[in-house]
Amino acid sequence: MSLENPADRVGRLQGWYGNCGQSELTLCLAQTFAYDDGTYKGTFSLLGSGIATDPVKHAPIVGGTGDFAFCRGIASQKRVFNAYINSEETSWFEYNITLKF
C-alpha cells in the first residue's frame, strides 16, 4: 500500500483535538473514521482524552453508522512521524482499533 496512490485509500479520518488539561497538556480527541473501501461502508467515532506526552493514547469508540452501526470499542493512537511542512507541524499517527458489534 502506498500513500501516494489514492486507489489504495480505504477511508479517511476527520476530527479535532485541543487542550483540555488544567495542569498539563491533555488532548481532547473527537474523531470520525469514514470507510468506503468496497467491503465496508460507514463511519465510527472516537471521543476521549489523553496526556500529550504519553507515547500511546487510548480512547473509546462511541458508535457508528452503516456497517458500523451501534459499534463500541477502543482505539490506541501512536505518533509514528512528525515533520515541519511549509512552516507547519504535521504528524502521522498509527491507530490500532478493536470494535465490538
N, C-alpha and C. Protein backbone atom coordinates (compact mmCIF):
# COMPACT_ATOMS: atom_id res chain seq x y z
N MET A 1 0.85 -1.18 0.00
CA MET A 1 0.00 0.00 0.00
C MET A 1 0.89 1.24 0.00
N SER A 2 0.54 2.19 -0.78
CA SER A 2 1.32 3.42 -0.92
C SER A 2 0.45 4.63 -0.61
N LEU A 3 1.00 5.56 0.15
CA LEU A 3 0.25 6.77 0.46
C LEU A 3 0.10 7.67 -0.76
N GLU A 4 0.96 7.49 -1.75
CA GLU A 4 0.90 8.34 -2.93
C GLU A 4 -0.24 7.92 -3.87
N ASN A 5 -0.70 6.68 -3.80
CA ASN A 5 -1.71 6.18 -4.72
C ASN A 5 -3.10 6.28 -4.10
N PRO A 6 -3.96 7.19 -4.56
CA PRO A 6 -5.30 7.35 -3.98
C PRO A 6 -6.15 6.08 -4.07
N ALA A 7 -5.85 5.19 -5.02
CA ALA A 7 -6.62 3.95 -5.16
C ALA A 7 -6.41 3.03 -3.96
N ASP A 8 -5.32 3.19 -3.22
CA ASP A 8 -5.04 2.36 -2.05
C ASP A 8 -5.78 2.83 -0.81
N ARG A 9 -6.41 3.98 -0.87
CA ARG A 9 -7.11 4.53 0.29
C ARG A 9 -8.39 3.75 0.55
N VAL A 10 -8.62 3.38 1.81
CA VAL A 10 -9.84 2.67 2.19
C VAL A 10 -10.81 3.56 2.95
N GLY A 11 -10.35 4.72 3.38
CA GLY A 11 -11.22 5.62 4.12
C GLY A 11 -10.49 6.90 4.46
N ARG A 12 -11.07 7.65 5.39
CA ARG A 12 -10.44 8.90 5.80
C ARG A 12 -10.78 9.16 7.27
N LEU A 13 -10.01 10.04 7.86
CA LEU A 13 -10.20 10.41 9.25
C LEU A 13 -10.39 11.91 9.31
N GLN A 14 -11.44 12.33 9.98
CA GLN A 14 -11.70 13.76 10.20
C GLN A 14 -11.83 13.95 11.70
N GLY A 15 -11.36 15.07 12.19
CA GLY A 15 -11.52 15.27 13.61
C GLY A 15 -10.89 16.54 14.12
N TRP A 16 -10.87 16.59 15.42
CA TRP A 16 -10.40 17.76 16.14
C TRP A 16 -9.71 17.30 17.41
N TYR A 17 -8.68 18.03 17.82
CA TYR A 17 -8.11 17.83 19.15
C TYR A 17 -7.66 19.17 19.68
N GLY A 18 -7.74 19.31 20.98
CA GLY A 18 -7.36 20.56 21.63
C GLY A 18 -6.99 20.30 23.07
N ASN A 19 -6.45 21.29 23.72
CA ASN A 19 -6.03 21.15 25.12
C ASN A 19 -7.24 21.23 26.04
N CYS A 20 -7.38 20.23 26.91
CA CYS A 20 -8.47 20.24 27.89
C CYS A 20 -7.93 20.01 29.30
N GLY A 21 -6.61 20.16 29.49
CA GLY A 21 -6.00 19.94 30.80
C GLY A 21 -5.83 21.22 31.58
N GLN A 22 -5.78 21.08 32.91
CA GLN A 22 -5.57 22.24 33.76
C GLN A 22 -4.11 22.40 34.16
N SER A 23 -3.41 21.28 34.45
CA SER A 23 -2.04 21.39 34.93
C SER A 23 -1.01 20.86 33.94
N GLU A 24 -1.42 20.07 32.96
CA GLU A 24 -0.51 19.59 31.92
C GLU A 24 -1.27 19.50 30.60
N LEU A 25 -0.51 19.47 29.50
CA LEU A 25 -1.12 19.43 28.19
C LEU A 25 -1.85 18.10 28.00
N THR A 26 -3.15 18.17 28.01
CA THR A 26 -4.02 17.00 27.85
C THR A 26 -4.87 17.22 26.60
N LEU A 27 -4.80 16.26 25.68
CA LEU A 27 -5.53 16.40 24.43
C LEU A 27 -6.92 15.81 24.53
N CYS A 28 -7.89 16.58 24.11
CA CYS A 28 -9.27 16.11 23.98
C CYS A 28 -9.42 15.72 22.51
N LEU A 29 -9.78 14.46 22.25
CA LEU A 29 -9.86 13.95 20.88
C LEU A 29 -11.32 13.71 20.49
N ALA A 30 -11.70 14.17 19.33
CA ALA A 30 -13.01 13.89 18.74
C ALA A 30 -12.75 13.62 17.27
N GLN A 31 -12.86 12.35 16.87
CA GLN A 31 -12.51 11.97 15.51
C GLN A 31 -13.54 11.01 14.94
N THR A 32 -13.75 11.10 13.63
CA THR A 32 -14.66 10.19 12.93
C THR A 32 -13.89 9.52 11.80
N PHE A 33 -13.95 8.20 11.77
CA PHE A 33 -13.34 7.39 10.73
C PHE A 33 -14.41 7.05 9.71
N ALA A 34 -14.18 7.34 8.46
CA ALA A 34 -15.16 7.07 7.40
C ALA A 34 -14.56 6.05 6.43
N TYR A 35 -15.28 4.95 6.21
CA TYR A 35 -14.82 3.88 5.33
C TYR A 35 -15.75 3.72 4.14
N ASP A 36 -15.14 3.48 2.98
CA ASP A 36 -15.88 3.17 1.77
C ASP A 36 -14.91 2.44 0.84
N ASP A 37 -14.48 1.25 1.26
CA ASP A 37 -13.46 0.52 0.51
C ASP A 37 -14.03 -0.62 -0.34
N GLY A 38 -15.35 -0.67 -0.46
CA GLY A 38 -15.96 -1.75 -1.22
C GLY A 38 -16.40 -2.90 -0.32
N THR A 39 -15.69 -3.13 0.79
CA THR A 39 -16.06 -4.17 1.73
C THR A 39 -16.93 -3.60 2.84
N TYR A 40 -16.49 -2.48 3.39
CA TYR A 40 -17.22 -1.84 4.49
C TYR A 40 -17.61 -0.43 4.07
N LYS A 41 -18.80 -0.01 4.49
CA LYS A 41 -19.25 1.36 4.26
C LYS A 41 -19.88 1.87 5.53
N GLY A 42 -19.40 3.00 6.00
CA GLY A 42 -19.95 3.61 7.21
C GLY A 42 -18.89 4.37 7.97
N THR A 43 -19.28 4.83 9.14
CA THR A 43 -18.38 5.61 9.99
C THR A 43 -18.41 5.06 11.41
N PHE A 44 -17.36 5.37 12.17
CA PHE A 44 -17.39 5.18 13.62
C PHE A 44 -16.61 6.33 14.25
N SER A 45 -16.97 6.66 15.48
CA SER A 45 -16.43 7.86 16.11
C SER A 45 -15.67 7.54 17.39
N LEU A 46 -14.63 8.30 17.61
CA LEU A 46 -13.77 8.20 18.78
C LEU A 46 -13.94 9.48 19.59
N LEU A 47 -14.05 9.36 20.89
CA LEU A 47 -14.17 10.53 21.76
C LEU A 47 -13.47 10.24 23.07
N GLY A 48 -12.39 10.96 23.36
CA GLY A 48 -11.65 10.71 24.60
C GLY A 48 -10.59 11.76 24.83
N SER A 49 -9.73 11.50 25.79
CA SER A 49 -8.64 12.43 26.10
C SER A 49 -7.42 11.65 26.54
N GLY A 50 -6.25 12.28 26.42
CA GLY A 50 -5.01 11.65 26.83
C GLY A 50 -3.92 12.68 27.02
N ILE A 51 -2.95 12.37 27.89
CA ILE A 51 -1.81 13.25 28.14
C ILE A 51 -0.98 13.34 26.85
N ALA A 52 -0.67 14.55 26.42
CA ALA A 52 0.00 14.77 25.14
C ALA A 52 1.35 14.07 25.06
N THR A 53 2.08 13.95 26.16
CA THR A 53 3.41 13.36 26.13
C THR A 53 3.40 11.83 26.22
N ASP A 54 2.24 11.22 26.48
CA ASP A 54 2.17 9.75 26.50
C ASP A 54 2.45 9.21 25.11
N PRO A 55 3.31 8.18 24.99
CA PRO A 55 3.61 7.66 23.66
C PRO A 55 2.41 7.01 22.98
N VAL A 56 1.50 6.44 23.75
CA VAL A 56 0.28 5.82 23.22
C VAL A 56 -0.91 6.37 23.98
N LYS A 57 -1.91 6.79 23.25
CA LYS A 57 -3.15 7.30 23.87
C LYS A 57 -4.28 6.32 23.56
N HIS A 58 -5.17 6.10 24.52
CA HIS A 58 -6.30 5.20 24.34
C HIS A 58 -7.58 6.01 24.45
N ALA A 59 -8.54 5.69 23.59
CA ALA A 59 -9.83 6.40 23.61
C ALA A 59 -10.93 5.43 23.20
N PRO A 60 -12.14 5.64 23.74
CA PRO A 60 -13.24 4.76 23.39
C PRO A 60 -13.85 5.09 22.02
N ILE A 61 -14.34 4.05 21.35
CA ILE A 61 -15.17 4.20 20.17
C ILE A 61 -16.61 4.26 20.68
N VAL A 62 -17.33 5.30 20.33
CA VAL A 62 -18.64 5.55 20.95
C VAL A 62 -19.84 5.33 20.04
N GLY A 63 -19.65 4.76 18.87
CA GLY A 63 -20.79 4.47 18.00
C GLY A 63 -20.42 4.63 16.55
N GLY A 64 -21.37 4.26 15.68
CA GLY A 64 -21.10 4.35 14.26
C GLY A 64 -22.36 4.35 13.42
N THR A 65 -22.14 4.34 12.10
CA THR A 65 -23.23 4.31 11.14
C THR A 65 -22.94 3.24 10.10
N GLY A 66 -23.93 2.91 9.28
CA GLY A 66 -23.74 1.94 8.21
C GLY A 66 -23.34 0.58 8.75
N ASP A 67 -22.29 -0.02 8.18
CA ASP A 67 -21.81 -1.32 8.64
C ASP A 67 -21.30 -1.28 10.08
N PHE A 68 -21.02 -0.10 10.60
CA PHE A 68 -20.50 0.06 11.97
C PHE A 68 -21.57 0.53 12.95
N ALA A 69 -22.84 0.43 12.57
CA ALA A 69 -23.93 0.90 13.42
C ALA A 69 -23.88 0.24 14.80
N PHE A 70 -24.00 1.06 15.82
CA PHE A 70 -24.05 0.64 17.22
C PHE A 70 -22.77 -0.03 17.72
N CYS A 71 -21.66 0.16 17.02
CA CYS A 71 -20.43 -0.49 17.47
C CYS A 71 -19.86 0.24 18.70
N ARG A 72 -19.07 -0.48 19.45
CA ARG A 72 -18.32 0.04 20.59
C ARG A 72 -16.91 -0.52 20.48
N GLY A 73 -15.96 0.11 21.15
CA GLY A 73 -14.61 -0.43 21.09
C GLY A 73 -13.60 0.51 21.71
N ILE A 74 -12.34 0.25 21.40
CA ILE A 74 -11.23 1.04 21.94
C ILE A 74 -10.24 1.29 20.80
N ALA A 75 -9.65 2.47 20.83
CA ALA A 75 -8.63 2.84 19.84
C ALA A 75 -7.36 3.24 20.56
N SER A 76 -6.23 2.75 20.07
CA SER A 76 -4.92 3.17 20.55
C SER A 76 -4.27 4.00 19.46
N GLN A 77 -3.77 5.17 19.84
CA GLN A 77 -3.17 6.10 18.88
C GLN A 77 -1.70 6.28 19.23
N LYS A 78 -0.83 6.11 18.22
CA LYS A 78 0.61 6.29 18.42
C LYS A 78 1.15 7.15 17.30
N ARG A 79 1.91 8.18 17.66
CA ARG A 79 2.51 9.04 16.62
C ARG A 79 3.71 8.31 16.04
N VAL A 80 3.76 8.20 14.71
CA VAL A 80 4.85 7.47 14.06
C VAL A 80 5.80 8.39 13.29
N PHE A 81 5.36 9.62 12.99
CA PHE A 81 6.22 10.52 12.25
C PHE A 81 5.77 11.95 12.49
N ASN A 82 6.73 12.84 12.57
CA ASN A 82 6.44 14.25 12.79
C ASN A 82 7.37 15.05 11.87
N ALA A 83 6.84 16.06 11.20
CA ALA A 83 7.66 16.87 10.30
C ALA A 83 7.09 18.29 10.21
N TYR A 84 7.95 19.21 9.78
CA TYR A 84 7.51 20.57 9.51
C TYR A 84 7.43 20.74 8.00
N ILE A 85 6.23 21.03 7.51
CA ILE A 85 6.00 21.21 6.08
C ILE A 85 5.43 22.60 5.88
N ASN A 86 6.13 23.40 5.10
CA ASN A 86 5.74 24.79 4.87
C ASN A 86 5.51 25.54 6.18
N SER A 87 6.42 25.37 7.13
CA SER A 87 6.41 26.04 8.44
C SER A 87 5.26 25.59 9.35
N GLU A 88 4.59 24.50 9.01
CA GLU A 88 3.53 23.97 9.86
C GLU A 88 3.90 22.57 10.31
N GLU A 89 3.63 22.28 11.59
CA GLU A 89 3.92 20.96 12.11
C GLU A 89 2.86 19.97 11.64
N THR A 90 3.32 18.85 11.10
CA THR A 90 2.44 17.81 10.61
C THR A 90 2.84 16.49 11.25
N SER A 91 1.85 15.71 11.69
CA SER A 91 2.12 14.43 12.33
C SER A 91 1.32 13.33 11.66
N TRP A 92 1.91 12.13 11.62
CA TRP A 92 1.23 10.94 11.13
C TRP A 92 1.05 10.01 12.32
N PHE A 93 -0.12 9.37 12.38
CA PHE A 93 -0.44 8.51 13.51
C PHE A 93 -0.79 7.11 13.04
N GLU A 94 -0.51 6.14 13.90
CA GLU A 94 -0.93 4.76 13.68
C GLU A 94 -2.04 4.46 14.68
N TYR A 95 -3.11 3.86 14.20
CA TYR A 95 -4.24 3.51 15.07
C TYR A 95 -4.38 2.00 15.12
N ASN A 96 -4.61 1.48 16.30
CA ASN A 96 -4.97 0.07 16.48
C ASN A 96 -6.37 0.10 17.09
N ILE A 97 -7.36 -0.37 16.33
CA ILE A 97 -8.75 -0.23 16.73
C ILE A 97 -9.40 -1.61 16.86
N THR A 98 -10.06 -1.81 18.00
CA THR A 98 -10.83 -3.04 18.24
C THR A 98 -12.28 -2.66 18.38
N LEU A 99 -13.14 -3.26 17.55
CA LEU A 99 -14.56 -2.95 17.57
C LEU A 99 -15.36 -4.17 18.00
N LYS A 100 -16.47 -3.92 18.70
CA LYS A 100 -17.41 -4.95 19.09
C LYS A 100 -18.79 -4.51 18.60
N PHE A 101 -19.49 -5.42 17.94
CA PHE A 101 -20.80 -5.09 17.37
C PHE A 101 -21.89 -5.69 18.21
